[in-house]
Amino acid sequence: MHLTRENSTRGTAVASERPMGLMPVGGGTTPAHGAARPAHTAALRVRAHDFLSLTKPRVLLLVLIATGLGCVMAAAALDVGVLGHALLGTALVAGGTAALNQYIERAHDAHMRRTARRPLPAGPLQPQEVLWFGLGLSLAGTVYLAVTLNLLTSLVGLAALLSYLVLYTPLKRRSGLCTLVGACPGAAPVLMGWAAVRGDLALEAWVLYAILFLWQFPHFLAIGWLYREDYARAGMRMIPAGDGSGRATFGLIQLTAQALVAVSFLPTLMGMAGMGYLGAAVLLGVGLLYVASQAASERSGVAARHLLRTTIIYLPLLFLCLGLFRTDPVAGWPF
């Protein structure tokens, strides 16, 4: 889920747009200022696009949705300023983590079709500038959260960053447990949103965390099945890479999808959301389980892609309904 460009044309396009310096005009040479400015602007746009793609904008959108939900669920009356600080700080930390991950995995990314066009393996950006970019975003986000919100929010973000880079990233080439480990920092944004408002991590925050934690398994295992050959080529020990029949992969998808649907009912049972949310959770859950069951029966790339799209639709809709039908944290009654 990254913004990419066709690298076969990138080098040619950028080269053709670079200023030529001095161009002959009327027998002499004069600076081609008119041509240089648009060429320079175009080159800057391409470069900005490359740096932006390092932050994985599509993944970042889901991260910010989860952060926003945490803020909404924790607040009796939502403070827009707090929400803005939480979103900006989390975006900086998450974007920096994504960039640093690509710096660490640049050699492996070059061996996979789905990642070979990223700015580092493709060549437009150099490792050192990506390293500094990632470190700068991560540090800025960590400090920003501590200064504008509270230390707990900053520490949760820092813990997610470190566990993702130090534990999950190297584990991908050592054990199939990497998906389990990676799901821990992957669910951290909802805790950051909650902590930004309340300054604590109450049981309700962990319920939201559990929903996001479990959602990652059917989502990422579907991706793993689609790109299992790529992962195997890069030496990554993802579960689908060594599961020729798909029995283990799709069995785990079904199991975690069932657990996800069951946990999605907890907000109503705990008084966090009203019956409107419960009805929506049931309907969405039935749809997810049906698609997961079909995928387990077929064990095909088409079925896995359908499941992937379903998970992308499921989570934002579930979170939207949770925010719409939440109960007042103070009064305890549904809106």
Protein backbone atom coordinates (compact mmCIF):
# COMPACT_ATOMS: atom_id res chain seq x y z
CA MET A 1 0.00 0.00 0.00
CA HIS A 2 2.43 2.58 -1.19
CA LEU A 3 2.52 5.33 -3.75
CA THR A 4 4.83 4.21 -6.57
CA ARG A 5 5.98 5.36 -9.96
CA GLU A 6 7.11 3.50 -13.04
CA ASN A 7 10.88 3.57 -12.68
CA SER A 8 11.46 2.80 -16.33
CA THR A 9 10.33 6.32 -17.13
CA ARG A 10 11.35 8.15 -13.95
CA GLY A 11 15.03 8.58 -14.78
CA THR A 12 14.30 9.70 -18.33
CA ALA A 13 11.59 12.12 -17.27
CA VAL A 14 13.70 13.73 -14.57
CA ALA A 15 16.77 13.94 -16.77
CA SER A 16 14.82 15.60 -19.56
CA GLU A 17 13.41 18.14 -17.13
CA ARG A 18 16.75 19.23 -15.67
CA PRO A 19 17.95 22.74 -16.64
CA MET A 20 20.44 22.76 -19.51
CA GLY A 21 22.29 25.76 -18.12
CA LEU A 22 23.35 27.88 -21.10
CA MET A 23 21.54 27.53 -24.41
CA PRO A 24 22.60 29.16 -27.69
CA VAL A 25 20.34 31.99 -28.73
CA GLY A 26 21.02 34.07 -31.85
CA GLY A 27 24.59 32.86 -32.17
CA GLY A 28 25.49 33.47 -28.51
CA THR A 29 24.84 31.87 -25.18
CA THR A 30 22.37 33.19 -22.62
CA PRO A 31 20.98 31.62 -19.46
CA ALA A 32 17.79 29.70 -20.19
CA HIS A 33 16.06 31.08 -17.12
CA GLY A 34 12.57 30.51 -18.49
CA ALA A 35 13.28 26.81 -19.10
CA ALA A 36 15.32 26.34 -15.92
CA ARG A 37 12.61 27.41 -13.49
CA PRO A 38 9.90 24.94 -14.64
CA ALA A 39 12.49 22.17 -14.90
CA HIS A 40 13.74 22.86 -11.38
CA THR A 41 10.18 22.95 -10.04
CA ALA A 42 9.34 19.67 -11.76
CA ALA A 43 12.45 18.04 -10.31
CA LEU A 44 11.51 19.26 -6.83
CA ARG A 45 8.00 17.85 -7.24
CA VAL A 46 9.38 14.45 -8.19
CA ARG A 47 11.75 14.52 -5.22
CA ALA A 48 8.98 15.59 -2.83
CA HIS A 49 6.84 12.73 -4.14
CA ASP A 50 9.66 10.29 -3.44
CA PHE A 51 10.05 11.49 0.15
CA LEU A 52 6.28 11.44 0.67
CA SER A 53 6.10 7.84 -0.55
CA LEU A 54 8.57 6.86 2.18
CA THR A 55 5.87 7.58 4.76
CA LYS A 56 3.46 5.06 3.13
CA PRO A 57 0.52 7.49 2.88
CA ARG A 58 -2.19 4.83 2.48
CA VAL A 59 -1.06 2.98 5.59
CA LEU A 60 -0.71 6.33 7.34
CA LEU A 61 -4.37 7.09 6.63
CA LEU A 62 -5.47 3.98 8.55
CA VAL A 63 -3.07 4.91 11.36
CA LEU A 64 -4.68 8.34 11.66
CA ILE A 65 -8.20 6.87 11.58
CA ALA A 66 -7.25 4.65 14.54
CA THR A 67 -5.67 7.58 16.38
CA GLY A 68 -8.76 9.70 15.81
CA LEU A 69 -11.01 6.92 17.10
CA GLY A 70 -8.96 6.69 20.28
CA CYS A 71 -9.39 10.44 20.82
CA VAL A 72 -13.15 10.34 20.14
CA MET A 73 -13.79 7.36 22.41
CA ALA A 74 -11.81 8.86 25.29
CA ALA A 75 -13.37 12.33 25.22
CA ALA A 76 -16.53 13.46 26.97
CA ALA A 77 -16.37 16.57 24.78
CA LEU A 78 -13.80 16.35 22.03
CA ASP A 79 -11.12 19.05 22.03
CA VAL A 80 -10.26 19.75 18.40
CA GLY A 81 -6.86 21.09 19.42
CA VAL A 82 -5.94 17.87 21.22
CA LEU A 83 -7.17 15.85 18.24
CA GLY A 84 -5.04 17.91 15.87
CA HIS A 85 -1.92 17.52 18.01
CA ALA A 86 -2.50 13.77 18.31
CA LEU A 87 -2.95 13.33 14.57
CA LEU A 88 0.06 15.44 13.62
CA GLY A 89 2.39 13.90 16.18
CA THR A 90 1.30 10.36 15.34
CA ALA A 91 1.69 11.04 11.62
CA LEU A 92 5.27 12.20 12.17
CA VAL A 93 6.19 9.15 14.25
CA ALA A 94 4.45 6.68 11.92
CA GLY A 95 5.88 8.31 8.80
CA GLY A 96 9.37 8.29 10.28
CA THR A 97 9.01 4.64 11.26
CA ALA A 98 7.98 3.73 7.70
CA ALA A 99 10.97 5.57 6.25
CA LEU A 100 13.42 3.94 8.66
CA ASN A 101 11.92 0.54 7.90
CA GLN A 102 12.59 1.08 4.20
CA TYR A 103 16.13 2.19 5.00
CA ILE A 104 16.78 -1.01 6.96
CA GLU A 105 15.18 -3.27 4.34
CA ARG A 106 16.43 -1.54 1.21
CA ALA A 107 18.52 -4.53 0.05
CA HIS A 108 15.64 -6.97 0.57
CA ASP A 109 13.13 -4.63 -1.07
CA ALA A 110 15.19 -4.75 -4.25
CA HIS A 111 14.44 -8.49 -4.59
CA MET A 112 10.63 -8.15 -4.40
CA ARG A 113 8.44 -6.97 -7.26
CA ARG A 114 6.04 -5.15 -4.96
CA THR A 115 8.83 -3.10 -3.33
CA ALA A 116 11.50 -2.82 -6.03
CA ARG A 117 10.03 0.48 -7.24
CA ARG A 118 10.36 2.19 -3.89
CA PRO A 119 12.66 5.24 -3.90
CA LEU A 120 15.60 3.51 -2.23
CA PRO A 121 15.94 0.28 -4.23
CA ALA A 122 14.95 2.09 -7.44
CA GLY A 123 17.68 4.70 -6.93
CA PRO A 124 16.13 8.21 -6.82
CA LEU A 125 16.96 8.59 -3.11
CA GLN A 126 20.19 7.74 -1.33
CA PRO A 127 20.30 5.70 1.91
CA GLN A 128 21.81 8.46 4.02
CA GLU A 129 19.16 11.03 3.14
CA VAL A 130 16.39 8.51 3.83
CA LEU A 131 18.01 7.70 7.19
CA TRP A 132 18.10 11.35 8.20
CA PHE A 133 14.58 11.91 6.92
CA GLY A 134 13.24 9.01 8.98
CA LEU A 135 15.17 9.99 12.09
CA GLY A 136 14.04 13.60 11.76
CA LEU A 137 10.36 12.74 11.45
CA SER A 138 10.49 10.22 14.29
CA LEU A 139 12.32 12.54 16.68
CA ALA A 140 10.10 15.50 15.78
CA GLY A 141 6.94 13.46 16.35
CA THR A 142 8.12 12.02 19.66
CA VAL A 143 9.08 15.43 21.03
CA TYR A 144 5.96 17.09 19.62
CA LEU A 145 3.64 14.61 21.37
CA ALA A 146 5.45 15.06 24.68
CA VAL A 147 5.37 18.86 24.49
CA THR A 148 1.86 19.43 23.16
CA LEU A 149 0.05 16.52 24.85
CA ASN A 150 1.67 14.36 27.51
CA LEU A 151 4.60 12.06 28.12
CA LEU A 152 2.51 8.87 28.00
CA THR A 153 1.37 9.49 24.42
CA SER A 154 4.96 10.16 23.38
CA LEU A 155 6.25 7.02 25.12
CA VAL A 156 3.61 4.80 23.50
CA GLY A 157 4.63 6.16 20.11
CA LEU A 158 8.32 5.63 20.87
CA ALA A 159 7.67 2.07 22.08
CA ALA A 160 5.76 1.31 18.88
CA LEU A 161 8.58 2.73 16.75
CA LEU A 162 11.31 0.77 18.52
CA SER A 163 9.42 -2.53 18.64
CA TYR A 164 8.58 -2.24 14.95
CA LEU A 165 12.14 -1.53 13.87
CA VAL A 166 14.14 -3.53 16.43
CA LEU A 167 11.88 -6.57 16.89
CA TYR A 168 9.46 -6.95 13.99
CA THR A 169 11.69 -5.92 11.09
CA PRO A 170 14.57 -8.37 11.70
CA LEU A 171 12.16 -11.11 12.82
CA LYS A 172 10.61 -11.21 9.34
CA ARG A 173 13.67 -13.14 8.16
CA ARG A 174 13.83 -15.43 11.17
CA SER A 175 10.39 -16.59 12.23
CA GLY A 176 6.77 -16.79 11.14
CA LEU A 177 5.92 -15.20 14.49
CA CYS A 178 6.82 -11.84 12.96
CA THR A 179 3.15 -11.15 12.12
CA LEU A 180 2.21 -11.60 15.78
CA VAL A 181 5.03 -9.34 16.94
CA GLY A 182 4.33 -6.72 14.28
CA ALA A 183 0.66 -6.53 15.24
CA CYS A 184 1.64 -5.12 18.65
CA PRO A 185 3.10 -1.80 17.43
CA GLY A 186 0.60 -1.84 14.58
CA ALA A 187 -2.27 -1.40 17.03
CA ALA A 188 -0.55 1.31 19.08
CA PRO A 189 -2.13 4.36 17.34
CA VAL A 190 -5.49 3.82 19.03
CA LEU A 191 -3.73 3.83 22.41
CA MET A 192 -1.96 7.04 21.46
CA GLY A 193 -5.28 8.68 20.65
CA TRP A 194 -6.77 7.60 23.96
CA ALA A 195 -3.71 8.66 25.98
CA ALA A 196 -3.67 12.04 24.23
CA VAL A 197 -7.09 12.85 25.70
CA ARG A 198 -7.11 11.04 29.02
CA GLY A 199 -3.47 10.67 29.92
CA ASP A 200 -4.01 7.02 30.86
CA LEU A 201 -4.56 3.61 29.29
CA ALA A 202 -7.81 2.39 30.81
CA LEU A 203 -9.36 -1.00 30.08
CA GLU A 204 -11.56 0.55 27.39
CA ALA A 205 -8.44 1.65 25.52
CA TRP A 206 -7.19 -1.94 25.48
CA VAL A 207 -10.49 -3.14 24.04
CA LEU A 208 -9.96 -0.79 21.11
CA TYR A 209 -6.37 -2.02 20.90
CA ALA A 210 -7.56 -5.65 20.77
CA ILE A 211 -9.86 -4.88 17.83
CA LEU A 212 -7.07 -3.27 15.83
CA PHE A 213 -4.58 -5.96 16.88
CA LEU A 214 -6.77 -8.82 15.66
CA TRP A 215 -7.78 -7.04 12.45
CA GLN A 216 -4.19 -7.05 11.27
CA PHE A 217 -4.04 -10.85 10.94
CA PRO A 218 -6.64 -11.43 8.19
CA HIS A 219 -5.48 -8.22 6.53
CA PHE A 220 -1.74 -8.90 6.42
CA LEU A 221 -2.03 -12.65 5.92
CA ALA A 222 -4.08 -11.92 2.79
CA ILE A 223 -1.26 -9.66 1.61
CA GLY A 224 1.25 -12.35 2.54
CA TRP A 225 -0.57 -14.93 0.45
CA LEU A 226 -0.76 -12.63 -2.56
CA TYR A 227 2.97 -11.90 -2.42
CA ARG A 228 4.28 -15.14 -0.90
CA GLU A 229 6.71 -15.73 -3.77
CA ASP A 230 8.10 -12.24 -3.35
CA TYR A 231 8.59 -12.79 0.38
CA ALA A 232 10.28 -16.13 -0.24
CA ARG A 233 12.66 -14.52 -2.76
CA ALA A 234 13.66 -11.91 -0.19
CA GLY A 235 14.20 -14.55 2.50
CA MET A 236 11.29 -13.41 4.66
CA ARG A 237 9.78 -16.04 6.92
CA MET A 238 6.17 -14.92 6.60
CA ILE A 239 3.62 -17.71 7.24
CA PRO A 240 2.31 -17.83 3.63
CA ALA A 241 5.84 -18.03 2.20
CA GLY A 242 6.32 -21.57 3.52
CA ASP A 243 2.71 -22.73 3.29
CA GLY A 244 2.29 -24.31 -0.12
CA SER A 245 -1.23 -25.60 0.42
CA GLY A 246 -2.49 -22.49 2.17
CA ARG A 247 -4.05 -24.58 4.92
CA ALA A 248 -2.15 -22.89 7.75
CA THR A 249 -2.51 -19.39 6.33
CA PHE A 250 -6.23 -19.47 5.68
CA GLY A 251 -6.91 -21.46 8.84
CA LEU A 252 -5.27 -18.66 10.83
CA ILE A 253 -7.20 -16.08 8.82
CA GLN A 254 -10.49 -17.73 9.77
CA LEU A 255 -9.51 -18.10 13.42
CA THR A 256 -8.40 -14.49 13.84
CA ALA A 257 -11.40 -13.16 11.90
CA GLN A 258 -13.71 -15.02 14.30
CA ALA A 259 -11.82 -13.63 17.28
CA LEU A 260 -12.01 -10.14 15.79
CA VAL A 261 -15.77 -10.32 15.35
CA ALA A 262 -16.24 -11.62 18.90
CA VAL A 263 -14.05 -8.84 20.38
CA SER A 264 -15.88 -6.23 18.29
CA PHE A 265 -18.98 -6.84 20.45
CA LEU A 266 -17.17 -5.85 23.66
CA PRO A 267 -17.64 -2.07 23.35
CA THR A 268 -21.41 -2.53 23.71
CA LEU A 269 -21.09 -5.13 26.46
CA MET A 270 -18.78 -2.79 28.39
CA GLY A 271 -21.01 0.25 27.94
CA MET A 272 -18.68 2.01 25.52
CA ALA A 273 -21.17 2.01 22.64
CA GLY A 274 -24.93 1.63 22.20
CA MET A 275 -27.07 -0.95 20.45
CA GLY A 276 -26.75 0.82 17.12
CA TYR A 277 -23.07 -0.04 17.13
CA LEU A 278 -23.76 -3.63 18.12
CA GLY A 279 -26.11 -4.07 15.18
CA ALA A 280 -23.51 -2.64 12.80
CA ALA A 281 -20.79 -4.85 14.31
CA VAL A 282 -22.94 -7.93 13.76
CA LEU A 283 -23.64 -7.08 10.12
CA LEU A 284 -20.03 -6.19 9.36
CA GLY A 285 -18.84 -9.27 11.19
CA VAL A 286 -21.11 -11.59 9.22
CA GLY A 287 -19.80 -10.09 5.99
CA LEU A 288 -16.16 -10.47 7.06
CA LEU A 289 -16.63 -14.07 8.21
CA TYR A 290 -18.38 -14.98 4.97
CA VAL A 291 -15.53 -13.62 2.85
CA ALA A 292 -12.92 -15.25 5.11
CA SER A 293 -14.75 -18.59 4.82
CA GLN A 294 -14.87 -18.30 1.02
CA ALA A 295 -11.17 -17.49 0.93
CA ALA A 296 -10.37 -20.50 3.12
CA SER A 297 -12.34 -22.74 0.77
CA GLU A 298 -10.75 -21.45 -2.43
CA ARG A 299 -7.23 -20.59 -1.21
CA SER A 300 -6.61 -18.58 -4.35
CA GLY A 301 -5.08 -15.25 -5.20
CA VAL A 302 -8.45 -13.89 -6.30
CA ALA A 303 -10.05 -14.90 -2.99
CA ALA A 304 -7.17 -13.41 -1.01
CA ARG A 305 -7.48 -10.12 -2.89
CA HIS A 306 -11.21 -10.05 -2.21
CA LEU A 307 -10.51 -10.65 1.48
CA LEU A 308 -7.91 -7.88 1.50
CA ARG A 309 -10.40 -5.39 0.08
CA THR A 310 -13.02 -6.55 2.59
CA THR A 311 -10.70 -5.91 5.54
CA ILE A 312 -9.91 -2.43 4.21
CA ILE A 313 -13.64 -1.65 4.10
CA TYR A 314 -14.47 -3.40 7.37
CA LEU A 315 -12.20 -1.51 9.75
CA PRO A 316 -13.06 2.11 8.85
CA LEU A 317 -16.79 1.28 8.84
CA LEU A 318 -16.56 -0.44 12.22
CA PHE A 319 -14.65 2.51 13.66
CA LEU A 320 -17.12 4.97 12.14
CA CYS A 321 -20.06 3.17 13.76
CA LEU A 322 -18.17 2.97 17.05
CA GLY A 323 -17.67 6.73 17.01
CA LEU A 324 -21.26 7.45 15.97
CA PHE A 325 -22.89 5.21 18.58
CA ARG A 326 -20.44 5.63 21.43
CA THR A 327 -21.73 6.29 24.91
CA ASP A 328 -20.92 9.39 26.89
CA PRO A 329 -17.89 8.51 29.05
CA VAL A 330 -19.33 10.63 31.85
CA ALA A 331 -23.05 9.90 31.76
CA GLY A 332 -22.74 6.35 30.48
CA TRP A 333 -25.72 6.65 28.14
CA PRO A 334 -25.69 6.27 24.38
CA PHE A 335 -26.12 9.30 22.13
